[in-house]
Amino acid sequence: MKTNELLHQFRKYLNTVDDSGDELRAAEFIQKMLLDDEIPPCPSLSCAGISLPAYRLSGDYYDFIYDPANGRYWIFVGDVMGKGIPASLLMVMVRATVRVLTNYNQTPSELVRNLNNFLLGDMTRLRAFSTLFCGQFNVHSGQFTYTSAGHPSPIIVRKHSGQAEKLEVKGTVVGLLKDREYKDFSTPFELGDLLILCTDGILEAMNADKVQYGYERLGESAVAHQHHNVHEIIHHIAGDVREFAQEIRRDDVTLVAVRREKGGGQDERYDSDER
């Protein structure tokens, strides 16, 4: 659904919410409208994502945007500070602004810099900030360019080696300081390579001994399940995290899997109804 259509429907819905005062239901409505969007198909990628809130609402988000005119496929994963209604509504603000900015032909670092400057005033007033990973896949060259605003680094499982590789990337969170500069990084994304993105709810999931799940276990799980399709991969990893944390979820969790394919494959989005 386009951003302006979403805002139009939300305004209509607010008329009923004003009478009932049901802010929580309104926020849940917004998130459902956003996460029910279909993932746009890409000629050479298979994508899947899952986002599970710790409670009824989530400050996490992920999104995929295809720009066929420029041969670019955008991948976003973000995490707004906090929980509940404020975090979920800020997540909506971040997502909507990102969707507007992708209408302009720019690099990931330029997009995140513009996003930060655009949202800085609102986030400062709300004493909030957001992490964000922004990736751009070039359909023609197979190159993957990315930047990060304080978001956990992704993992790539390389087809040729079968091993997990952490893509180190650092940057200041969105909504903290004006005119921050972000850096673009690039890596080949070859046929059969698998990209895993997540929020800190995955990496910081703890077991009874207060040990965090961490990057090593995430990489091991991704390698173990790499031969499944992307839908199965994220559910296997999510299951591994649940088992490790003994079914206790203290934070919102989001997982995204993207694989380079010959002709593209399935593209699936899953929300909090999938436990």
Protein backbone atom coordinates (compact mmCIF):
# COMPACT_ATOMS: atom_id res chain seq x y z
CA MET A 1 0.00 0.00 0.00
CA LYS A 2 1.33 3.47 -0.89
CA THR A 3 2.18 5.85 1.96
CA ASN A 4 -0.48 8.42 1.02
CA GLU A 5 -3.15 5.71 0.87
CA LEU A 6 -2.11 4.47 4.31
CA LEU A 7 -2.29 7.97 5.80
CA HIS A 8 -5.71 8.54 4.21
CA GLN A 9 -7.10 5.35 5.75
CA PHE A 10 -5.50 6.16 9.08
CA ARG A 11 -7.13 9.62 9.15
CA LYS A 12 -10.51 8.02 8.51
CA TYR A 13 -9.87 5.53 11.28
CA LEU A 14 -8.86 8.28 13.73
CA ASN A 15 -12.39 9.68 13.53
CA THR A 16 -13.69 6.53 15.19
CA VAL A 17 -10.80 6.32 17.63
CA ASP A 18 -11.40 9.85 18.91
CA ASP A 19 -14.83 8.73 20.10
CA SER A 20 -13.67 5.52 21.75
CA GLY A 21 -10.29 6.69 23.05
CA ASP A 22 -8.80 3.34 22.11
CA GLU A 23 -5.24 4.46 21.33
CA LEU A 24 -3.82 0.96 21.60
CA ARG A 25 -6.25 -0.40 19.06
CA ALA A 26 -5.41 2.51 16.74
CA ALA A 27 -1.70 1.80 16.98
CA GLU A 28 -2.27 -1.89 16.31
CA PHE A 29 -4.33 -0.93 13.26
CA ILE A 30 -1.47 1.17 11.88
CA GLN A 31 1.06 -1.60 12.32
CA LYS A 32 -1.20 -4.18 10.72
CA MET A 33 -1.73 -1.89 7.71
CA LEU A 34 2.03 -1.50 7.33
CA LEU A 35 3.12 -5.08 7.86
CA ASP A 36 0.41 -6.51 5.64
CA ASP A 37 2.09 -4.95 2.60
CA GLU A 38 3.28 -7.54 0.13
CA ILE A 39 7.01 -7.74 -0.45
CA PRO A 40 7.68 -6.44 -3.99
CA PRO A 41 9.15 -9.22 -6.16
CA CYS A 42 12.65 -8.79 -7.51
CA PRO A 43 13.97 -10.62 -10.61
CA SER A 44 17.00 -12.01 -8.78
CA LEU A 45 16.19 -12.08 -5.04
CA SER A 46 14.05 -14.16 -2.70
CA CYS A 47 13.03 -12.29 0.46
CA ALA A 48 11.21 -13.12 3.69
CA GLY A 49 10.74 -11.31 6.97
CA ILE A 50 9.17 -11.81 10.37
CA SER A 51 8.55 -9.29 13.16
CA LEU A 52 7.32 -10.33 16.60
CA PRO A 53 6.53 -7.79 19.34
CA ALA A 54 7.43 -8.44 22.96
CA TYR A 55 3.96 -7.20 23.83
CA ARG A 56 1.08 -6.09 21.58
CA LEU A 57 3.03 -3.44 19.68
CA SER A 58 6.49 -3.33 18.16
CA GLY A 59 9.09 -0.61 17.64
CA ASP A 60 10.84 -2.81 15.07
CA TYR A 61 10.21 -2.66 11.36
CA TYR A 62 11.49 -4.01 8.09
CA ASP A 63 10.66 -3.03 4.54
CA PHE A 64 11.54 -3.80 0.92
CA ILE A 65 11.21 -1.29 -1.92
CA TYR A 66 11.88 -2.05 -5.59
CA ASP A 67 12.94 0.73 -7.95
CA PRO A 68 12.88 -0.97 -11.38
CA ALA A 69 13.65 2.27 -13.26
CA ASN A 70 17.09 2.43 -11.62
CA GLY A 71 17.53 -1.32 -11.13
CA ARG A 72 17.73 -0.97 -7.34
CA TYR A 73 16.14 -3.08 -4.61
CA TRP A 74 16.11 -1.48 -1.15
CA ILE A 75 16.18 -3.45 2.11
CA PHE A 76 15.53 -1.78 5.48
CA VAL A 77 15.50 -3.00 9.08
CA GLY A 78 14.97 -0.56 11.94
CA ASP A 79 14.46 -0.46 15.69
CA VAL A 80 12.93 2.54 17.45
CA MET A 81 13.93 3.09 21.07
CA GLY A 82 11.26 2.03 23.53
CA LYS A 83 8.15 -0.10 23.49
CA GLY A 84 4.41 0.28 23.18
CA ILE A 85 2.47 3.06 21.46
CA PRO A 86 5.22 5.75 21.29
CA ALA A 87 7.74 3.39 19.71
CA SER A 88 5.20 1.93 17.30
CA LEU A 89 4.08 5.37 16.10
CA LEU A 90 7.66 6.55 15.67
CA MET A 91 8.30 3.40 13.67
CA VAL A 92 5.47 4.46 11.36
CA MET A 93 7.07 7.90 10.98
CA VAL A 94 10.47 6.41 10.11
CA ARG A 95 9.00 3.98 7.60
CA ALA A 96 6.84 6.58 5.86
CA THR A 97 9.75 9.01 5.55
CA VAL A 98 12.04 6.29 4.17
CA ARG A 99 9.45 5.47 1.52
CA VAL A 100 9.35 9.10 0.40
CA LEU A 101 13.15 9.37 0.28
CA THR A 102 13.57 6.28 -1.91
CA ASN A 103 11.79 8.18 -4.69
CA TYR A 104 15.09 10.02 -5.21
CA ASN A 105 18.11 8.39 -6.82
CA GLN A 106 20.61 8.38 -3.96
CA THR A 107 23.01 6.10 -2.14
CA PRO A 108 22.15 4.41 1.18
CA SER A 109 24.38 6.84 3.11
CA GLU A 110 22.71 9.85 1.46
CA LEU A 111 19.26 8.47 2.23
CA VAL A 112 20.06 7.87 5.91
CA ARG A 113 21.66 11.32 6.24
CA ASN A 114 18.54 12.95 4.78
CA LEU A 115 16.30 10.81 6.99
CA ASN A 116 18.22 11.85 10.09
CA ASN A 117 17.98 15.56 9.29
CA PHE A 118 14.29 15.29 8.39
CA LEU A 119 13.28 13.52 11.62
CA LEU A 120 15.75 15.12 14.02
CA GLY A 121 13.37 17.81 15.30
CA ASP A 122 10.51 15.41 16.00
CA MET A 123 12.73 12.81 17.60
CA THR A 124 14.50 15.40 19.76
CA ARG A 125 11.16 16.63 21.11
CA LEU A 126 10.10 13.04 21.82
CA ARG A 127 13.52 12.14 23.26
CA ALA A 128 13.69 9.21 20.90
CA PHE A 129 16.00 7.73 18.31
CA SER A 130 16.08 4.83 15.88
CA THR A 131 18.66 2.43 14.57
CA LEU A 132 18.43 1.63 10.87
CA PHE A 133 20.14 -0.67 8.40
CA CYS A 134 19.78 0.45 4.79
CA GLY A 135 20.87 -1.82 1.94
CA GLN A 136 20.64 -1.36 -1.82
CA PHE A 137 21.00 -4.28 -4.24
CA ASN A 138 22.00 -3.46 -7.82
CA VAL A 139 19.96 -5.81 -10.00
CA HIS A 140 22.33 -5.37 -12.95
CA SER A 141 25.75 -5.71 -11.29
CA GLY A 142 24.87 -7.88 -8.30
CA GLN A 143 26.64 -5.42 -5.99
CA PHE A 144 25.18 -4.84 -2.52
CA THR A 145 25.76 -1.36 -1.06
CA TYR A 146 24.78 -0.62 2.52
CA THR A 147 25.09 1.66 5.51
CA SER A 148 24.02 1.59 9.12
CA ALA A 149 22.72 4.07 11.67
CA GLY A 150 23.71 2.25 14.84
CA HIS A 151 22.03 -0.98 13.74
CA PRO A 152 23.41 -4.50 14.34
CA SER A 153 25.61 -5.69 11.48
CA PRO A 154 24.15 -8.23 9.06
CA ILE A 155 25.51 -11.69 8.32
CA ILE A 156 26.15 -13.14 4.87
CA VAL A 157 26.45 -16.88 4.33
CA ARG A 158 28.59 -17.22 1.21
CA LYS A 159 27.52 -19.92 -1.22
CA HIS A 160 31.09 -20.74 -2.28
CA SER A 161 32.33 -21.34 1.29
CA GLY A 162 29.15 -22.19 3.18
CA GLN A 163 30.43 -20.03 6.04
CA ALA A 164 28.93 -17.00 7.77
CA GLU A 165 30.60 -13.62 7.39
CA LYS A 166 29.73 -10.59 9.54
CA LEU A 167 29.53 -7.32 7.62
CA GLU A 168 31.04 -4.81 10.02
CA VAL A 169 29.42 -1.40 9.71
CA LYS A 170 28.99 1.47 12.15
CA GLY A 171 27.15 4.78 12.21
CA THR A 172 25.27 7.17 14.49
CA VAL A 173 21.62 6.40 15.25
CA VAL A 174 18.88 8.42 13.53
CA GLY A 175 17.50 11.33 15.55
CA LEU A 176 20.50 12.20 17.71
CA LEU A 177 22.72 14.74 15.92
CA LYS A 178 22.29 17.01 12.90
CA ASP A 179 24.22 16.60 9.64
CA ARG A 180 25.79 13.30 10.59
CA GLU A 181 27.80 11.71 7.81
CA TYR A 182 27.27 8.05 6.99
CA LYS A 183 29.55 5.80 4.97
CA ASP A 184 28.63 3.43 2.16
CA PHE A 185 30.08 -0.08 2.14
CA SER A 186 29.86 -2.53 -0.76
CA THR A 187 30.21 -6.26 -1.20
CA PRO A 188 29.42 -8.67 -4.04
CA PHE A 189 26.15 -10.53 -3.49
CA GLU A 190 26.62 -13.58 -5.64
CA LEU A 191 24.28 -16.34 -6.78
CA GLY A 192 23.26 -18.43 -3.77
CA ASP A 193 24.57 -15.98 -1.15
CA LEU A 194 22.28 -15.55 1.87
CA LEU A 195 21.86 -12.28 3.80
CA ILE A 196 20.51 -12.35 7.37
CA LEU A 197 19.39 -9.14 9.11
CA CYS A 198 17.96 -8.79 12.59
CA THR A 199 17.27 -6.40 15.45
CA ASP A 200 18.97 -6.55 18.84
CA GLY A 201 16.05 -8.53 20.27
CA ILE A 202 17.58 -11.55 18.51
CA LEU A 203 21.20 -10.95 19.49
CA GLU A 204 20.40 -9.97 23.09
CA ALA A 205 17.95 -12.80 23.82
CA MET A 206 19.16 -14.40 27.06
CA ASN A 207 19.01 -17.87 28.53
CA ALA A 208 18.58 -18.74 32.20
CA ASP A 209 22.30 -18.17 32.81
CA LYS A 210 22.07 -14.59 31.47
CA VAL A 211 24.08 -15.54 28.38
CA GLN A 212 23.10 -13.70 25.19
CA TYR A 213 22.29 -15.45 21.92
CA GLY A 214 24.84 -13.32 20.06
CA TYR A 215 26.40 -13.29 16.61
CA GLU A 216 28.18 -16.63 16.87
CA ARG A 217 24.95 -18.56 17.44
CA LEU A 218 23.14 -16.53 14.79
CA GLY A 219 25.83 -17.39 12.27
CA GLU A 220 25.79 -21.06 13.24
CA SER A 221 22.00 -21.20 12.87
CA ALA A 222 22.11 -19.47 9.47
CA VAL A 223 24.78 -21.90 8.23
CA ALA A 224 22.88 -24.92 9.56
CA HIS A 225 19.68 -23.90 7.76
CA GLN A 226 21.15 -22.29 4.62
CA HIS A 227 19.83 -24.99 2.27
CA HIS A 228 16.19 -24.24 3.16
CA ASN A 229 14.14 -21.55 1.43
CA VAL A 230 14.15 -18.06 2.95
CA HIS A 231 10.77 -18.53 4.64
CA GLU A 232 11.95 -21.69 6.38
CA ILE A 233 15.30 -20.13 7.29
CA ILE A 234 13.82 -17.27 9.32
CA HIS A 235 11.43 -19.62 11.11
CA HIS A 236 14.23 -22.07 11.94
CA ILE A 237 16.40 -19.25 13.30
CA ALA A 238 13.48 -17.78 15.27
CA GLY A 239 12.85 -21.26 16.69
CA ASP A 240 16.50 -21.60 17.70
CA VAL A 241 16.31 -18.24 19.50
CA ARG A 242 13.08 -19.23 21.29
CA GLU A 243 14.61 -22.51 22.42
CA PHE A 244 17.76 -20.76 23.62
CA ALA A 245 15.76 -18.16 25.58
CA GLN A 246 13.32 -20.80 26.87
CA GLU A 247 10.34 -19.18 25.15
CA ILE A 248 10.82 -15.88 27.01
CA ARG A 249 10.80 -12.80 24.75
CA ARG A 250 11.89 -9.61 26.54
CA ASP A 251 12.21 -7.43 23.45
CA ASP A 252 10.74 -7.05 19.98
CA VAL A 253 12.44 -9.36 17.49
CA THR A 254 12.77 -9.01 13.73
CA LEU A 255 14.45 -11.31 11.23
CA VAL A 256 14.94 -10.84 7.49
CA ALA A 257 16.45 -13.31 5.02
CA VAL A 258 17.43 -12.43 1.44
CA ARG A 259 18.98 -14.83 -1.06
CA ARG A 260 20.39 -14.14 -4.52
CA GLU A 261 18.56 -16.38 -7.00
CA LYS A 262 18.71 -16.98 -10.73
CA GLY A 263 15.20 -15.83 -11.45
CA GLY A 264 13.94 -14.77 -8.05
CA GLY A 265 11.78 -16.83 -5.75
CA GLN A 266 9.26 -16.45 -3.00
CA ASP A 267 8.77 -13.16 -1.24
CA GLU A 268 6.92 -13.47 2.04
CA ARG A 269 6.12 -11.27 5.00
CA TYR A 270 5.05 -12.58 8.37
CA ASP A 271 3.81 -10.58 11.32
CA SER A 272 2.99 -11.14 14.96
CA ASP A 273 0.28 -13.70 14.19
CA GLU A 274 3.09 -16.18 13.46
CA ARG A 275 4.46 -17.36 16.80
